[in-house]
Amino acid sequence: QVQLVESGGGLVQSGESLRLTCAASGVTASIYGMAWYRQAPGKQGELVAQIAPNSNTNYADSVKGRFTISRNKARDRWYLQMNSLKPDDTAVYYCNARSQSARHYWGQGTQVTVSS
C-alpha cells in the first residue's frame, strides 16, 4: 500500500507561483510513475504532468512552459512547480502514483485558487 499526502496549495494572484509537494509513504519502492492531476468545478479531471521512471516528463498543453514536475532521489516525494499562474489553473490538484502492476494511488487533493 502507498499513502500520498499533498501540500502547498493556496490562494495566489494571477502571475504568481506555487510549489506543490506530494509525500509518499508505505511501500514506496512499488511506485513506478508519478503524476499530478487536477479537477476544476464543473470540468473533467485532467492530467497536468507526469514523470516516468526514466525521468521523461509529459505535460498538458495548457501548462507547458509554466509548470515543472520533479522528484527527489528517493522517489518518495515529487513536486509541481507552477509559475505564471492563471485563473484557469484554479482547481483541486491531486498527486498520483502508479505501480508496475498499474495500480493507482491518490492523495486527498489540495486546493489551488488563482485570483485575477
C-alpha atoms as a PDB file:
ATOM      1  CA  GLN A   1       0.000   0.000   0.000  1.00  0.00           C
ATOM      2  CA  VAL A   2       1.085   3.548  -0.682  1.00  0.00           C
ATOM      3  CA  GLN A   3      -0.245   6.649   1.031  1.00  0.00           C
ATOM      4  CA  LEU A   4       0.042  10.064  -0.589  1.00  0.00           C
ATOM      5  CA  VAL A   5      -0.290  13.478   1.024  1.00  0.00           C
ATOM      6  CA  GLU A   6      -0.260  16.715  -0.953  1.00  0.00           C
ATOM      7  CA  SER A   7       0.716  20.105   0.402  1.00  0.00           C
ATOM      8  CA  GLY A   8       1.460  23.568  -0.891  1.00  0.00           C
ATOM      9  CA  GLY A   9      -1.858  24.702  -2.289  1.00  0.00           C
ATOM     10  CA  GLY A  10      -3.314  28.087  -1.546  1.00  0.00           C
ATOM     11  CA  LEU A  11      -4.693  31.345  -2.851  1.00  0.00           C
ATOM     12  CA  VAL A  12      -2.474  33.421  -5.121  1.00  0.00           C
ATOM     13  CA  GLN A  13      -2.878  36.201  -7.634  1.00  0.00           C
ATOM     14  CA  SER A  14      -2.552  35.787 -11.364  1.00  0.00           C
ATOM     15  CA  GLY A  15       1.109  35.631 -12.389  1.00  0.00           C
ATOM     16  CA  GLU A  16       2.359  34.307  -9.075  1.00  0.00           C
ATOM     17  CA  SER A  17       3.882  30.906  -8.318  1.00  0.00           C
ATOM     18  CA  LEU A  18       3.179  27.921  -6.089  1.00  0.00           C
ATOM     19  CA  ARG A  19       5.004  24.678  -5.432  1.00  0.00           C
ATOM     20  CA  LEU A  20       3.027  21.558  -4.642  1.00  0.00           C
ATOM     21  CA  THR A  21       4.599  18.635  -2.832  1.00  0.00           C
ATOM     22  CA  CYS A  22       3.437  15.022  -2.759  1.00  0.00           C
ATOM     23  CA  ALA A  23       4.836  12.940   0.075  1.00  0.00           C
ATOM     24  CA  ALA A  24       4.571   9.169  -0.298  1.00  0.00           C
ATOM     25  CA  SER A  25       4.752   6.616   2.484  1.00  0.00           C
ATOM     26  CA  GLY A  26       4.264   2.873   2.740  1.00  0.00           C
ATOM     27  CA  VAL A  27       5.632   0.587   0.045  1.00  0.00           C
ATOM     28  CA  THR A  28       7.228   3.419  -1.923  1.00  0.00           C
ATOM     29  CA  ALA A  29       9.544   1.004  -3.716  1.00  0.00           C
ATOM     30  CA  SER A  30       6.495  -0.129  -5.684  1.00  0.00           C
ATOM     31  CA  ILE A  31       5.989   3.322  -7.198  1.00  0.00           C
ATOM     32  CA  TYR A  32       6.723   3.306 -10.907  1.00  0.00           C
ATOM     33  CA  GLY A  33       5.274   6.519 -12.298  1.00  0.00           C
ATOM     34  CA  MET A  34       4.307   9.774 -10.638  1.00  0.00           C
ATOM     35  CA  ALA A  35       1.893  12.418 -11.768  1.00  0.00           C
ATOM     36  CA  TRP A  36      -0.281  15.393 -10.922  1.00  0.00           C
ATOM     37  CA  TYR A  37      -3.919  15.696 -11.934  1.00  0.00           C
ATOM     38  CA  ARG A  38      -6.393  18.473 -11.351  1.00  0.00           C
ATOM     39  CA  GLN A  39     -10.130  18.928 -11.324  1.00  0.00           C
ATOM     40  CA  ALA A  40     -11.870  22.251 -11.613  1.00  0.00           C
ATOM     41  CA  PRO A  41     -15.533  22.760 -10.675  1.00  0.00           C
ATOM     42  CA  GLY A  42     -17.813  21.586 -13.453  1.00  0.00           C
ATOM     43  CA  LYS A  43     -14.941  20.270 -15.550  1.00  0.00           C
ATOM     44  CA  GLN A  44     -13.464  16.868 -16.206  1.00  0.00           C
ATOM     45  CA  GLY A  45     -10.314  15.927 -14.368  1.00  0.00           C
ATOM     46  CA  GLU A  46      -7.152  16.230 -16.398  1.00  0.00           C
ATOM     47  CA  LEU A  47      -3.597  15.030 -16.288  1.00  0.00           C
ATOM     48  CA  VAL A  48      -1.373  18.012 -15.602  1.00  0.00           C
ATOM     49  CA  ALA A  49       2.104  16.462 -15.586  1.00  0.00           C
ATOM     50  CA  GLN A  50       3.754  13.101 -15.239  1.00  0.00           C
ATOM     51  CA  ILE A  51       7.262  11.792 -14.784  1.00  0.00           C
ATOM     52  CA  ALA A  52       8.341   8.341 -15.860  1.00  0.00           C
ATOM     53  CA  PRO A  53      10.925   6.064 -14.218  1.00  0.00           C
ATOM     54  CA  ASN A  54      13.461   7.178 -16.845  1.00  0.00           C
ATOM     55  CA  SER A  55      12.716  10.805 -15.881  1.00  0.00           C
ATOM     56  CA  ASN A  56      10.876  11.586 -19.099  1.00  0.00           C
ATOM     57  CA  THR A  57       8.161  14.143 -18.440  1.00  0.00           C
ATOM     58  CA  ASN A  58       4.870  14.931 -20.099  1.00  0.00           C
ATOM     59  CA  TYR A  59       2.655  17.990 -19.651  1.00  0.00           C
ATOM     60  CA  ALA A  60      -0.815  19.117 -20.570  1.00  0.00           C
ATOM     61  CA  ASP A  61      -0.643  21.673 -23.367  1.00  0.00           C
ATOM     62  CA  SER A  62      -2.250  24.261 -21.116  1.00  0.00           C
ATOM     63  CA  VAL A  63       0.666  24.197 -18.653  1.00  0.00           C
ATOM     64  CA  LYS A  64       3.670  23.611 -20.893  1.00  0.00           C
ATOM     65  CA  GLY A  65       6.389  26.141 -20.239  1.00  0.00           C
ATOM     66  CA  ARG A  66       4.819  27.208 -16.929  1.00  0.00           C
ATOM     67  CA  PHE A  67       4.731  24.047 -14.795  1.00  0.00           C
ATOM     68  CA  THR A  68       7.568  21.652 -13.954  1.00  0.00           C
ATOM     69  CA  ILE A  69       7.285  18.216 -12.371  1.00  0.00           C
ATOM     70  CA  SER A  70      10.257  16.818 -10.483  1.00  0.00           C
ATOM     71  CA  ARG A  71      11.023  14.229  -7.826  1.00  0.00           C
ATOM     72  CA  ASN A  72      13.624  13.528  -5.183  1.00  0.00           C
ATOM     73  CA  LYS A  73      16.273  10.825  -5.462  1.00  0.00           C
ATOM     74  CA  ALA A  74      14.486   8.560  -3.012  1.00  0.00           C
ATOM     75  CA  ARG A  75      11.400   8.738  -5.262  1.00  0.00           C
ATOM     76  CA  ASP A  76       9.161   9.255  -2.268  1.00  0.00           C
ATOM     77  CA  ARG A  77       8.461  12.924  -2.941  1.00  0.00           C
ATOM     78  CA  TRP A  78       7.509  14.700  -6.103  1.00  0.00           C
ATOM     79  CA  TYR A  79       6.771  18.283  -6.828  1.00  0.00           C
ATOM     80  CA  LEU A  80       4.865  20.523  -9.149  1.00  0.00           C
ATOM     81  CA  GLN A  81       6.388  23.960  -9.604  1.00  0.00           C
ATOM     82  CA  MET A  82       3.698  26.217 -11.002  1.00  0.00           C
ATOM     83  CA  ASN A  83       4.750  29.574 -12.401  1.00  0.00           C
ATOM     84  CA  SER A  84       2.796  32.314 -14.133  1.00  0.00           C
ATOM     85  CA  LEU A  85      -0.421  31.004 -12.650  1.00  0.00           C
ATOM     86  CA  LYS A  86      -3.689  31.920 -14.331  1.00  0.00           C
ATOM     87  CA  PRO A  87      -7.270  31.904 -13.036  1.00  0.00           C
ATOM     88  CA  ASP A  88      -7.887  28.892 -15.326  1.00  0.00           C
ATOM     89  CA  ASP A  89      -5.413  26.933 -13.198  1.00  0.00           C
ATOM     90  CA  THR A  90      -7.837  27.094 -10.275  1.00  0.00           C
ATOM     91  CA  ALA A  91      -8.643  23.510  -9.294  1.00  0.00           C
ATOM     92  CA  VAL A  92      -8.104  20.790  -6.749  1.00  0.00           C
ATOM     93  CA  TYR A  93      -4.748  19.210  -7.514  1.00  0.00           C
ATOM     94  CA  TYR A  94      -4.191  15.519  -6.807  1.00  0.00           C
ATOM     95  CA  CYS A  95      -0.966  13.611  -6.781  1.00  0.00           C
ATOM     96  CA  ASN A  96      -0.980  10.170  -8.279  1.00  0.00           C
ATOM     97  CA  ALA A  97       1.356   7.215  -8.078  1.00  0.00           C
ATOM     98  CA  ARG A  98       1.290   4.212 -10.340  1.00  0.00           C
ATOM     99  CA  SER A  99       2.822   0.844  -9.567  1.00  0.00           C
ATOM    100  CA  GLN A 100       4.355  -1.512 -12.116  1.00  0.00           C
ATOM    101  CA  SER A 101       1.185  -3.580 -11.874  1.00  0.00           C
ATOM    102  CA  ALA A 102      -0.735  -0.463 -12.963  1.00  0.00           C
ATOM    103  CA  ARG A 103      -2.345   0.082  -9.574  1.00  0.00           C
ATOM    104  CA  HIS A 104      -3.064   3.737  -8.896  1.00  0.00           C
ATOM    105  CA  TYR A 105      -2.855   5.605  -5.629  1.00  0.00           C
ATOM    106  CA  TRP A 106      -4.259   9.057  -4.966  1.00  0.00           C
ATOM    107  CA  GLY A 107      -3.774  11.820  -2.453  1.00  0.00           C
ATOM    108  CA  GLN A 108      -6.622  13.708  -0.849  1.00  0.00           C
ATOM    109  CA  GLY A 109      -6.110  16.787  -3.004  1.00  0.00           C
ATOM    110  CA  THR A 110      -5.007  20.343  -2.364  1.00  0.00           C
ATOM    111  CA  GLN A 111      -6.885  23.435  -3.472  1.00  0.00           C
ATOM    112  CA  VAL A 112      -5.187  25.948  -5.737  1.00  0.00           C
ATOM    113  CA  THR A 113      -7.062  29.191  -6.310  1.00  0.00           C
ATOM    114  CA  VAL A 114      -5.756  31.883  -8.630  1.00  0.00           C
ATOM    115  CA  SER A 115      -7.446  35.263  -8.487  1.00  0.00           C
ATOM    116  CA  SER A 116      -7.399  37.682 -11.398  1.00  0.00           C
END
